[in-house]
Full PDB file with SEQRES, HELIX, SHEET, SSBOND, CRYST1, ORIGX, SCALE, CONECT and MASTER records, all heavy atoms in Angstrom:
SEQRES   1 A   35  CYS VAL GLU GLU LEU ALA GLY PRO THR ARG ALA GLU GLU          
SEQRES   2 A   35  GLY CYS ILE PHE TYR GLU PHE TYR GLN SER ASP GLU ASP          
SEQRES   3 A   35  PRO THR VAL CYS TYR PHE LEU GLU GLU                          
HELIX    1 AA1 VAL A    2  ARG A   10  1                                   9    
SHEET    1 AA1 2 TYR A  18  GLN A  22  0                                        
SHEET    2 AA1 2 CYS A  30  GLU A  34 -1                                        
CRYST1    1.000    1.000    1.000  90.00  90.00  90.00 P 1           1          
ORIGX1      1.000000  0.000000  0.000000        0.00000                         
ORIGX2      0.000000  1.000000  0.000000        0.00000                         
ORIGX3      0.000000  0.000000  1.000000        0.00000                         
SCALE1      1.000000  0.000000  0.000000        0.00000                         
SCALE2      0.000000  1.000000  0.000000        0.00000                         
SCALE3      0.000000  0.000000  1.000000        0.00000                         
ATOM      1  N   CYS A   1       0.787  -1.234   0.026  1.00  0.00           N  
ATOM      2  CA  CYS A   1       0.057   0.046   0.048  1.00  0.00           C  
ATOM      3  C   CYS A   1       0.897   1.218   0.041  1.00  0.00           C  
ATOM      4  O   CYS A   1       0.595   2.218  -0.661  1.00  0.00           O  
ATOM      5  CB  CYS A   1      -0.914   0.030   1.223  1.00  0.00           C  
ATOM      6  SG  CYS A   1      -2.148  -1.263   1.185  1.00  0.00           S  
ATOM      7  N   VAL A   2       1.972   1.201   0.810  1.00  0.00           N  
ATOM      8  CA  VAL A   2       2.836   2.376   0.829  1.00  0.00           C  
ATOM      9  C   VAL A   2       3.472   2.594  -0.522  1.00  0.00           C  
ATOM     10  O   VAL A   2       3.709   3.690  -0.928  1.00  0.00           O  
ATOM     11  CB  VAL A   2       3.894   2.151   1.906  1.00  0.00           C  
ATOM     12  CG1 VAL A   2       5.060   3.221   1.858  1.00  0.00           C  
ATOM     13  CG2 VAL A   2       3.309   2.153   3.322  1.00  0.00           C  
ATOM     14  N   GLU A   3       3.874   1.538  -1.178  1.00  0.00           N  
ATOM     15  CA  GLU A   3       4.495   1.784  -2.511  1.00  0.00           C  
ATOM     16  C   GLU A   3       3.488   2.439  -3.474  1.00  0.00           C  
ATOM     17  O   GLU A   3       3.965   3.195  -4.316  1.00  0.00           O  
ATOM     18  CB  GLU A   3       4.975   0.249  -3.055  1.00  0.00           C  
ATOM     19  CG  GLU A   3       6.129  -0.205  -2.301  1.00  0.00           C  
ATOM     20  CD  GLU A   3       6.593  -1.585  -2.700  1.00  0.00           C  
ATOM     21  OE1 GLU A   3       6.113  -2.033  -3.777  1.00  0.00           O  
ATOM     22  OE2 GLU A   3       7.390  -2.231  -1.986  1.00  0.00           O  
ATOM     23  N   GLU A   4       2.251   2.121  -3.412  1.00  0.00           N  
ATOM     24  CA  GLU A   4       1.299   2.828  -4.299  1.00  0.00           C  
ATOM     25  C   GLU A   4       1.077   4.242  -3.830  1.00  0.00           C  
ATOM     26  O   GLU A   4       0.727   5.054  -4.757  1.00  0.00           O  
ATOM     27  CB  GLU A   4      -0.094   2.039  -4.182  1.00  0.00           C  
ATOM     28  CG  GLU A   4      -0.084   0.708  -4.805  1.00  0.00           C  
ATOM     29  CD  GLU A   4      -1.463   0.067  -4.777  1.00  0.00           C  
ATOM     30  OE1 GLU A   4      -2.442   0.821  -4.693  1.00  0.00           O  
ATOM     31  OE2 GLU A   4      -1.540  -1.183  -4.737  1.00  0.00           O  
ATOM     32  N   LEU A   5       1.236   4.587  -2.605  1.00  0.00           N  
ATOM     33  CA  LEU A   5       1.019   5.891  -2.105  1.00  0.00           C  
ATOM     34  C   LEU A   5       2.222   6.776  -2.317  1.00  0.00           C  
ATOM     35  O   LEU A   5       1.995   8.019  -2.659  1.00  0.00           O  
ATOM     36  CB  LEU A   5       0.769   5.751  -0.577  1.00  0.00           C  
ATOM     37  CG  LEU A   5       0.597   7.072   0.170  1.00  0.00           C  
ATOM     38  CD1 LEU A   5      -0.655   7.862  -0.222  1.00  0.00           C  
ATOM     39  CD2 LEU A   5       0.611   6.823   1.684  1.00  0.00           C  
ATOM     40  N   ALA A   6       3.318   6.290  -2.272  1.00  0.00           N  
ATOM     41  CA  ALA A   6       4.576   7.157  -2.286  1.00  0.00           C  
ATOM     42  C   ALA A   6       4.725   7.966  -3.581  1.00  0.00           C  
ATOM     43  O   ALA A   6       5.001   9.218  -3.467  1.00  0.00           O  
ATOM     44  CB  ALA A   6       5.852   6.329  -2.026  1.00  0.00           C  
ATOM     45  N   GLY A   7       4.551   7.365  -4.647  1.00  0.00           N  
ATOM     46  CA  GLY A   7       4.879   8.096  -5.946  1.00  0.00           C  
ATOM     47  C   GLY A   7       3.886   9.290  -6.152  1.00  0.00           C  
ATOM     48  O   GLY A   7       4.385  10.488  -6.327  1.00  0.00           O  
ATOM     49  N   PRO A   8       2.545   9.087  -6.120  1.00  0.00           N  
ATOM     50  CA  PRO A   8       1.688  10.187  -6.191  1.00  0.00           C  
ATOM     51  C   PRO A   8       1.924  11.316  -5.065  1.00  0.00           C  
ATOM     52  O   PRO A   8       1.793  12.507  -5.366  1.00  0.00           O  
ATOM     53  CB  PRO A   8       0.299   9.665  -6.093  1.00  0.00           C  
ATOM     54  CG  PRO A   8       0.487   8.190  -6.379  1.00  0.00           C  
ATOM     55  CD  PRO A   8       1.818   7.849  -5.958  1.00  0.00           C  
ATOM     56  N   THR A   9       2.250  10.881  -3.929  1.00  0.00           N  
ATOM     57  CA  THR A   9       2.423  11.837  -2.805  1.00  0.00           C  
ATOM     58  C   THR A   9       3.666  12.691  -3.082  1.00  0.00           C  
ATOM     59  O   THR A   9       3.640  13.921  -3.036  1.00  0.00           O  
ATOM     60  CB  THR A   9       2.589  11.090  -1.471  1.00  0.00           C  
ATOM     61  OG1 THR A   9       1.358  10.336  -1.193  1.00  0.00           O  
ATOM     62  CG2 THR A   9       2.955  12.027  -0.340  1.00  0.00           C  
ATOM     63  N   ARG A  10       4.762  12.069  -3.408  1.00  0.00           N  
ATOM     64  CA  ARG A  10       5.994  12.810  -3.713  1.00  0.00           C  
ATOM     65  C   ARG A  10       5.842  13.708  -4.932  1.00  0.00           C  
ATOM     66  O   ARG A  10       6.589  14.703  -4.962  1.00  0.00           O  
ATOM     67  CB  ARG A  10       7.151  11.778  -4.024  1.00  0.00           C  
ATOM     68  CG  ARG A  10       7.531  11.026  -2.867  1.00  0.00           C  
ATOM     69  CD  ARG A  10       8.549  10.024  -3.102  1.00  0.00           C  
ATOM     70  NE  ARG A  10       8.977   9.373  -1.749  1.00  0.00           N  
ATOM     71  CZ  ARG A  10       9.509   8.109  -1.735  1.00  0.00           C  
ATOM     72  NH1 ARG A  10       9.555   7.420  -2.840  1.00  0.00           N  
ATOM     73  NH2 ARG A  10       9.788   7.654  -0.578  1.00  0.00           N  
ATOM     74  N   ALA A  11       4.865  13.531  -5.826  1.00  0.00           N  
ATOM     75  CA  ALA A  11       4.620  14.338  -6.972  1.00  0.00           C  
ATOM     76  C   ALA A  11       3.743  15.544  -6.633  1.00  0.00           C  
ATOM     77  O   ALA A  11       3.620  16.449  -7.398  1.00  0.00           O  
ATOM     78  CB  ALA A  11       4.039  13.549  -8.092  1.00  0.00           C  
ATOM     79  N   GLU A  12       3.224  15.559  -5.402  1.00  0.00           N  
ATOM     80  CA  GLU A  12       2.287  16.610  -5.096  1.00  0.00           C  
ATOM     81  C   GLU A  12       3.009  17.972  -4.869  1.00  0.00           C  
ATOM     82  O   GLU A  12       4.098  17.909  -4.357  1.00  0.00           O  
ATOM     83  CB  GLU A  12       1.563  16.343  -3.720  1.00  0.00           C  
ATOM     84  CG  GLU A  12       0.438  15.310  -3.891  1.00  0.00           C  
ATOM     85  CD  GLU A  12      -0.230  15.002  -2.566  1.00  0.00           C  
ATOM     86  OE1 GLU A  12      -0.653  15.927  -1.911  1.00  0.00           O  
ATOM     87  OE2 GLU A  12      -0.214  13.826  -2.124  1.00  0.00           O  
ATOM     88  N   GLU A  13       2.355  19.019  -5.189  1.00  0.00           N  
ATOM     89  CA  GLU A  13       2.837  20.378  -4.933  1.00  0.00           C  
ATOM     90  C   GLU A  13       3.027  20.526  -3.442  1.00  0.00           C  
ATOM     91  O   GLU A  13       2.086  20.225  -2.729  1.00  0.00           O  
ATOM     92  CB  GLU A  13       1.936  21.425  -5.525  1.00  0.00           C  
ATOM     93  CG  GLU A  13       2.415  22.792  -5.319  1.00  0.00           C  
ATOM     94  CD  GLU A  13       1.602  23.865  -5.885  1.00  0.00           C  
ATOM     95  OE1 GLU A  13       0.649  23.579  -6.746  1.00  0.00           O  
ATOM     96  OE2 GLU A  13       1.801  25.059  -5.577  1.00  0.00           O  
ATOM     97  N   GLY A  14       4.140  21.005  -3.068  1.00  0.00           N  
ATOM     98  CA  GLY A  14       4.378  21.280  -1.623  1.00  0.00           C  
ATOM     99  C   GLY A  14       5.017  20.177  -0.881  1.00  0.00           C  
ATOM    100  O   GLY A  14       5.480  20.356   0.317  1.00  0.00           O  
ATOM    101  N   CYS A  15       5.223  18.970  -1.507  1.00  0.00           N  
ATOM    102  CA  CYS A  15       5.881  17.872  -0.806  1.00  0.00           C  
ATOM    103  C   CYS A  15       7.373  18.021  -0.921  1.00  0.00           C  
ATOM    104  O   CYS A  15       7.932  18.039  -2.010  1.00  0.00           O  
ATOM    105  CB  CYS A  15       5.478  16.527  -1.422  1.00  0.00           C  
ATOM    106  SG  CYS A  15       6.269  15.044  -0.618  1.00  0.00           S  
ATOM    107  N   ILE A  16       7.994  18.242   0.207  1.00  0.00           N  
ATOM    108  CA  ILE A  16       9.541  18.390   0.269  1.00  0.00           C  
ATOM    109  C   ILE A  16      10.152  17.025   0.361  1.00  0.00           C  
ATOM    110  O   ILE A  16      11.063  16.780  -0.401  1.00  0.00           O  
ATOM    111  CB  ILE A  16       9.886  19.300   1.340  1.00  0.00           C  
ATOM    112  CG1 ILE A  16       9.315  20.712   1.109  1.00  0.00           C  
ATOM    113  CG2 ILE A  16      11.499  19.366   1.542  1.00  0.00           C  
ATOM    114  CD1 ILE A  16       9.457  21.748   2.202  1.00  0.00           C  
ATOM    115  N   PHE A  17       9.709  16.248   1.286  1.00  0.00           N  
ATOM    116  CA  PHE A  17      10.048  14.849   1.237  1.00  0.00           C  
ATOM    117  C   PHE A  17       9.016  13.974   1.929  1.00  0.00           C  
ATOM    118  O   PHE A  17       8.191  14.407   2.715  1.00  0.00           O  
ATOM    119  CB  PHE A  17      11.449  14.569   1.868  1.00  0.00           C  
ATOM    120  CG  PHE A  17      11.601  14.742   3.367  1.00  0.00           C  
ATOM    121  CD1 PHE A  17      11.166  13.786   4.289  1.00  0.00           C  
ATOM    122  CD2 PHE A  17      12.150  15.920   3.867  1.00  0.00           C  
ATOM    123  CE1 PHE A  17      11.354  13.945   5.601  1.00  0.00           C  
ATOM    124  CE2 PHE A  17      12.256  16.210   5.161  1.00  0.00           C  
ATOM    125  CZ  PHE A  17      11.841  15.172   6.118  1.00  0.00           C  
ATOM    126  N   TYR A  18       8.958  12.662   1.539  1.00  0.00           N  
ATOM    127  CA  TYR A  18       8.006  11.711   2.044  1.00  0.00           C  
ATOM    128  C   TYR A  18       8.714  10.371   2.007  1.00  0.00           C  
ATOM    129  O   TYR A  18       8.942   9.806   0.902  1.00  0.00           O  
ATOM    130  CB  TYR A  18       6.768  11.727   1.101  1.00  0.00           C  
ATOM    131  CG  TYR A  18       5.625  11.021   1.697  1.00  0.00           C  
ATOM    132  CD1 TYR A  18       4.711  11.654   2.552  1.00  0.00           C  
ATOM    133  CD2 TYR A  18       5.289   9.692   1.279  1.00  0.00           C  
ATOM    134  CE1 TYR A  18       3.649  10.950   3.073  1.00  0.00           C  
ATOM    135  CE2 TYR A  18       4.234   9.008   1.776  1.00  0.00           C  
ATOM    136  CZ  TYR A  18       3.372   9.704   2.744  1.00  0.00           C  
ATOM    137  OH  TYR A  18       2.293   8.997   3.221  1.00  0.00           O  
ATOM    138  N   GLU A  19       8.986   9.935   3.230  1.00  0.00           N  
ATOM    139  CA  GLU A  19       9.807   8.657   3.205  1.00  0.00           C  
ATOM    140  C   GLU A  19       9.168   7.678   4.262  1.00  0.00           C  
ATOM    141  O   GLU A  19       8.466   8.093   5.229  1.00  0.00           O  
ATOM    142  CB  GLU A  19      11.206   9.016   3.839  1.00  0.00           C  
ATOM    143  CG  GLU A  19      11.922   9.874   2.827  1.00  0.00           C  
ATOM    144  CD  GLU A  19      13.286  10.419   3.309  1.00  0.00           C  
ATOM    145  OE1 GLU A  19      13.632  10.209   4.479  1.00  0.00           O  
ATOM    146  OE2 GLU A  19      13.965  10.976   2.460  1.00  0.00           O  
ATOM    147  N   PHE A  20       9.355   6.438   4.132  1.00  0.00           N  
ATOM    148  CA  PHE A  20       8.873   5.340   4.846  1.00  0.00           C  
ATOM    149  C   PHE A  20      10.043   4.537   5.392  1.00  0.00           C  
ATOM    150  O   PHE A  20      10.911   4.058   4.651  1.00  0.00           O  
ATOM    151  CB  PHE A  20       7.894   4.504   3.980  1.00  0.00           C  
ATOM    152  CG  PHE A  20       7.287   3.350   4.758  1.00  0.00           C  
ATOM    153  CD1 PHE A  20       6.302   3.575   5.639  1.00  0.00           C  
ATOM    154  CD2 PHE A  20       7.654   2.042   4.496  1.00  0.00           C  
ATOM    155  CE1 PHE A  20       5.681   2.461   6.402  1.00  0.00           C  
ATOM    156  CE2 PHE A  20       7.137   0.953   5.157  1.00  0.00           C  
ATOM    157  CZ  PHE A  20       6.107   1.215   6.084  1.00  0.00           C  
ATOM    158  N   TYR A  21       9.988   4.214   6.671  1.00  0.00           N  
ATOM    159  CA  TYR A  21      11.079   3.487   7.331  1.00  0.00           C  
ATOM    160  C   TYR A  21      10.426   2.307   8.139  1.00  0.00           C  
ATOM    161  O   TYR A  21       9.312   2.410   8.632  1.00  0.00           O  
ATOM    162  CB  TYR A  21      11.854   4.313   8.337  1.00  0.00           C  
ATOM    163  CG  TYR A  21      12.608   5.371   7.651  1.00  0.00           C  
ATOM    164  CD1 TYR A  21      12.086   6.611   7.326  1.00  0.00           C  
ATOM    165  CD2 TYR A  21      13.996   5.179   7.209  1.00  0.00           C  
ATOM    166  CE1 TYR A  21      12.776   7.575   6.678  1.00  0.00           C  
ATOM    167  CE2 TYR A  21      14.752   6.118   6.590  1.00  0.00           C  
ATOM    168  CZ  TYR A  21      14.112   7.370   6.284  1.00  0.00           C  
ATOM    169  OH  TYR A  21      14.785   8.327   5.659  1.00  0.00           O  
ATOM    170  N   GLN A  22      11.207   1.213   8.193  1.00  0.00           N  
ATOM    171  CA  GLN A  22      10.763   0.045   8.922  1.00  0.00           C  
ATOM    172  C   GLN A  22      11.946  -0.353   9.901  1.00  0.00           C  
ATOM    173  O   GLN A  22      13.068  -0.412   9.504  1.00  0.00           O  
ATOM    174  CB  GLN A  22      10.460  -1.135   7.984  1.00  0.00           C  
ATOM    175  CG  GLN A  22       9.863  -2.296   8.550  1.00  0.00           C  
ATOM    176  CD  GLN A  22       9.480  -3.364   7.514  1.00  0.00           C  
ATOM    177  OE1 GLN A  22      10.062  -3.382   6.473  1.00  0.00           O  
ATOM    178  NE2 GLN A  22       8.459  -4.090   7.841  1.00  0.00           N  
ATOM    179  N   SER A  23      11.497  -0.694  11.086  1.00  0.00           N  
ATOM    180  CA  SER A  23      12.512  -1.092  12.125  1.00  0.00           C  
ATOM    181  C   SER A  23      13.266  -2.360  11.695  1.00  0.00           C  
ATOM    182  O   SER A  23      12.657  -3.285  11.292  1.00  0.00           O  
ATOM    183  CB  SER A  23      11.832  -1.220  13.481  1.00  0.00           C  
ATOM    184  OG  SER A  23      12.712  -1.898  14.393  1.00  0.00           O  
ATOM    185  N   ASP A  24      14.527  -2.341  11.945  1.00  0.00           N  
ATOM    186  CA  ASP A  24      15.336  -3.630  11.705  1.00  0.00           C  
ATOM    187  C   ASP A  24      15.042  -4.652  12.771  1.00  0.00           C  
ATOM    188  O   ASP A  24      15.099  -5.825  12.501  1.00  0.00           O  
ATOM    189  CB  ASP A  24      16.839  -3.293  11.667  1.00  0.00           C  
ATOM    190  CG  ASP A  24      17.237  -2.457  10.464  1.00  0.00           C  
ATOM    191  OD1 ASP A  24      16.583  -2.475   9.475  1.00  0.00           O  
ATOM    192  OD2 ASP A  24      18.272  -1.789  10.530  1.00  0.00           O  
ATOM    193  N   GLU A  25      14.765  -4.187  14.006  1.00  0.00           N  
ATOM    194  CA  GLU A  25      14.582  -5.087  15.091  1.00  0.00           C  
ATOM    195  C   GLU A  25      13.159  -5.690  15.080  1.00  0.00           C  
ATOM    196  O   GLU A  25      12.862  -6.768  15.616  1.00  0.00           O  
ATOM    197  CB  GLU A  25      14.852  -4.441  16.486  1.00  0.00           C  
ATOM    198  CG  GLU A  25      16.313  -4.151  16.713  1.00  0.00           C  
ATOM    199  CD  GLU A  25      16.795  -2.834  16.100  1.00  0.00           C  
ATOM    200  OE1 GLU A  25      15.905  -1.991  15.822  1.00  0.00           O  
ATOM    201  OE2 GLU A  25      17.961  -2.767  15.734  1.00  0.00           O  
ATOM    202  N   ASP A  26      12.172  -4.857  14.680  1.00  0.00           N  
ATOM    203  CA  ASP A  26      10.811  -5.315  14.701  1.00  0.00           C  
ATOM    204  C   ASP A  26      10.097  -4.807  13.499  1.00  0.00           C  
ATOM    205  O   ASP A  26       9.704  -3.614  13.386  1.00  0.00           O  
ATOM    206  CB  ASP A  26      10.121  -4.683  15.994  1.00  0.00           C  
ATOM    207  CG  ASP A  26       8.641  -5.220  16.174  1.00  0.00           C  
ATOM    208  OD1 ASP A  26       8.141  -5.781  15.209  1.00  0.00           O  
ATOM    209  OD2 ASP A  26       8.045  -4.878  17.212  1.00  0.00           O  
ATOM    210  N   PRO A  27       9.878  -5.656  12.489  1.00  0.00           N  
ATOM    211  CA  PRO A  27       9.272  -5.237  11.234  1.00  0.00           C  
ATOM    212  C   PRO A  27       7.827  -4.736  11.297  1.00  0.00           C  
ATOM    213  O   PRO A  27       7.322  -4.188  10.345  1.00  0.00           O  
ATOM    214  CB  PRO A  27       9.411  -6.477  10.366  1.00  0.00           C  
ATOM    215  CG  PRO A  27       9.604  -7.569  11.216  1.00  0.00           C  
ATOM    216  CD  PRO A  27      10.248  -7.096  12.505  1.00  0.00           C  
ATOM    217  N   THR A  28       7.206  -4.960  12.497  1.00  0.00           N  
ATOM    218  CA  THR A  28       5.843  -4.384  12.584  1.00  0.00           C  
ATOM    219  C   THR A  28       5.839  -2.902  12.973  1.00  0.00           C  
ATOM    220  O   THR A  28       4.818  -2.344  13.150  1.00  0.00           O  
ATOM    221  CB  THR A  28       5.036  -5.184  13.662  1.00  0.00           C  
ATOM    222  OG1 THR A  28       5.598  -5.024  14.975  1.00  0.00           O  
ATOM    223  CG2 THR A  28       5.026  -6.663  13.332  1.00  0.00           C  
ATOM    224  N   VAL A  29       7.087  -2.371  13.313  1.00  0.00           N  
ATOM    225  CA  VAL A  29       7.185  -0.911  13.679  1.00  0.00           C  
ATOM    226  C   VAL A  29       7.677  -0.177  12.447  1.00  0.00           C  
ATOM    227  O   VAL A  29       8.737  -0.445  11.928  1.00  0.00           O  
ATOM    228  CB  VAL A  29       8.012  -0.754  14.904  1.00  0.00           C  
ATOM    229  CG1 VAL A  29       8.178   0.720  15.184  1.00  0.00           C  
ATOM    230  CG2 VAL A  29       7.532  -1.477  16.038  1.00  0.00           C  
ATOM    231  N   CYS A  30       6.858   0.834  12.046  1.00  0.00           N  
ATOM    232  CA  CYS A  30       7.220   1.593  10.837  1.00  0.00           C  
ATOM    233  C   CYS A  30       7.066   3.081  11.112  1.00  0.00           C  
ATOM    234  O   CYS A  30       6.262   3.439  12.038  1.00  0.00           O  
ATOM    235  CB  CYS A  30       6.331   1.188   9.726  1.00  0.00           C  
ATOM    236  SG  CYS A  30       6.510  -0.587   9.265  1.00  0.00           S  
ATOM    237  N   TYR A  31       7.610   3.897  10.274  1.00  0.00           N  
ATOM    238  CA  TYR A  31       7.481   5.334  10.457  1.00  0.00           C  
ATOM    239  C   TYR A  31       7.351   5.992   9.157  1.00  0.00           C  
ATOM    240  O   TYR A  31       8.083   5.602   8.150  1.00  0.00           O  
ATOM    241  CB  TYR A  31       8.806   5.942  11.137  1.00  0.00           C  
ATOM    242  CG  TYR A  31       9.006   5.420  12.509  1.00  0.00           C  
ATOM    243  CD1 TYR A  31       9.822   4.267  12.739  1.00  0.00           C  
ATOM    244  CD2 TYR A  31       8.571   6.137  13.593  1.00  0.00           C  
ATOM    245  CE1 TYR A  31      10.037   3.818  13.965  1.00  0.00           C  
ATOM    246  CE2 TYR A  31       8.746   5.620  14.872  1.00  0.00           C  
ATOM    247  CZ  TYR A  31       9.561   4.556  15.076  1.00  0.00           C  
ATOM    248  OH  TYR A  31       9.741   4.038  16.347  1.00  0.00           O  
ATOM    249  N   PHE A  32       6.501   6.947   8.939  1.00  0.00           N  
ATOM    250  CA  PHE A  32       6.453   7.937   7.851  1.00  0.00           C  
ATOM    251  C   PHE A  32       7.152   9.147   8.330  1.00  0.00           C  
ATOM    252  O   PHE A  32       6.790   9.672   9.409  1.00  0.00           O  
ATOM    253  CB  PHE A  32       5.046   8.230   7.494  1.00  0.00           C  
ATOM    254  CG  PHE A  32       4.340   7.275   6.666  1.00  0.00           C  
ATOM    255  CD1 PHE A  32       3.375   6.480   7.152  1.00  0.00           C  
ATOM    256  CD2 PHE A  32       4.699   7.104   5.315  1.00  0.00           C  
ATOM    257  CE1 PHE A  32       2.703   5.474   6.326  1.00  0.00           C  
ATOM    258  CE2 PHE A  32       4.039   6.154   4.537  1.00  0.00           C  
ATOM    259  CZ  PHE A  32       3.016   5.364   5.083  1.00  0.00           C  
ATOM    260  N   LEU A  33       8.076   9.674   7.623  1.00  0.00           N  
ATOM    261  CA  LEU A  33       8.700  10.932   7.811  1.00  0.00           C  
ATOM    262  C   LEU A  33       8.313  11.860   6.635  1.00  0.00           C  
ATOM    263  O   LEU A  33       8.590  11.369   5.468  1.00  0.00           O  
ATOM    264  CB  LEU A  33      10.272  10.871   7.923  1.00  0.00           C  
ATOM    265  CG  LEU A  33      10.777  10.458   9.299  1.00  0.00           C  
ATOM    266  CD1 LEU A  33      10.488   9.017   9.584  1.00  0.00           C  
ATOM    267  CD2 LEU A  33      12.283  10.670   9.355  1.00  0.00           C  
ATOM    268  N   GLU A  34       7.764  12.994   6.863  1.00  0.00           N  
ATOM    269  CA  GLU A  34       7.361  13.835   5.819  1.00  0.00           C  
ATOM    270  C   GLU A  34       7.596  15.331   6.177  1.00  0.00           C  
ATOM    271  O   GLU A  34       7.548  15.740   7.360  1.00  0.00           O  
ATOM    272  CB  GLU A  34       5.947  13.490   5.492  1.00  0.00           C  
ATOM    273  CG  GLU A  34       4.901  13.644   6.564  1.00  0.00           C  
ATOM    274  CD  GLU A  34       3.637  13.109   6.187  1.00  0.00           C  
ATOM    275  OE1 GLU A  34       2.844  13.763   5.368  1.00  0.00           O  
ATOM    276  OE2 GLU A  34       3.256  12.064   6.578  1.00  0.00           O  
ATOM    277  N   GLU A  35       7.804  16.074   5.084  1.00  0.00           N  
ATOM    278  CA  GLU A  35       7.908  17.542   5.243  1.00  0.00           C  
ATOM    279  C   GLU A  35       7.150  18.150   4.100  1.00  0.00           C  
ATOM    280  O   GLU A  35       7.225  17.761   2.900  1.00  0.00           O  
ATOM    281  CB  GLU A  35       9.379  17.925   5.214  1.00  0.00           C  
ATOM    282  CG  GLU A  35       9.581  19.460   5.448  1.00  0.00           C  
ATOM    283  CD  GLU A  35      10.954  19.872   5.538  1.00  0.00           C  
ATOM    284  OE1 GLU A  35      11.868  19.004   5.521  1.00  0.00           O  
ATOM    285  OE2 GLU A  35      11.216  21.089   5.608  1.00  0.00           O  
TER     286      GLU A  35                                                      
MASTER        0    0    0    1    2    0    0    6  285    1    0    3          
END                                                                             
């Protein structure tokens, strides 16, 4: 789902960055970082 979301989001006007991270220790913990 994130892979489908990232491209259109990054193309939006005003998006400086939009990134998705996943914990190495626990793959059920993820983070979106955006500006």
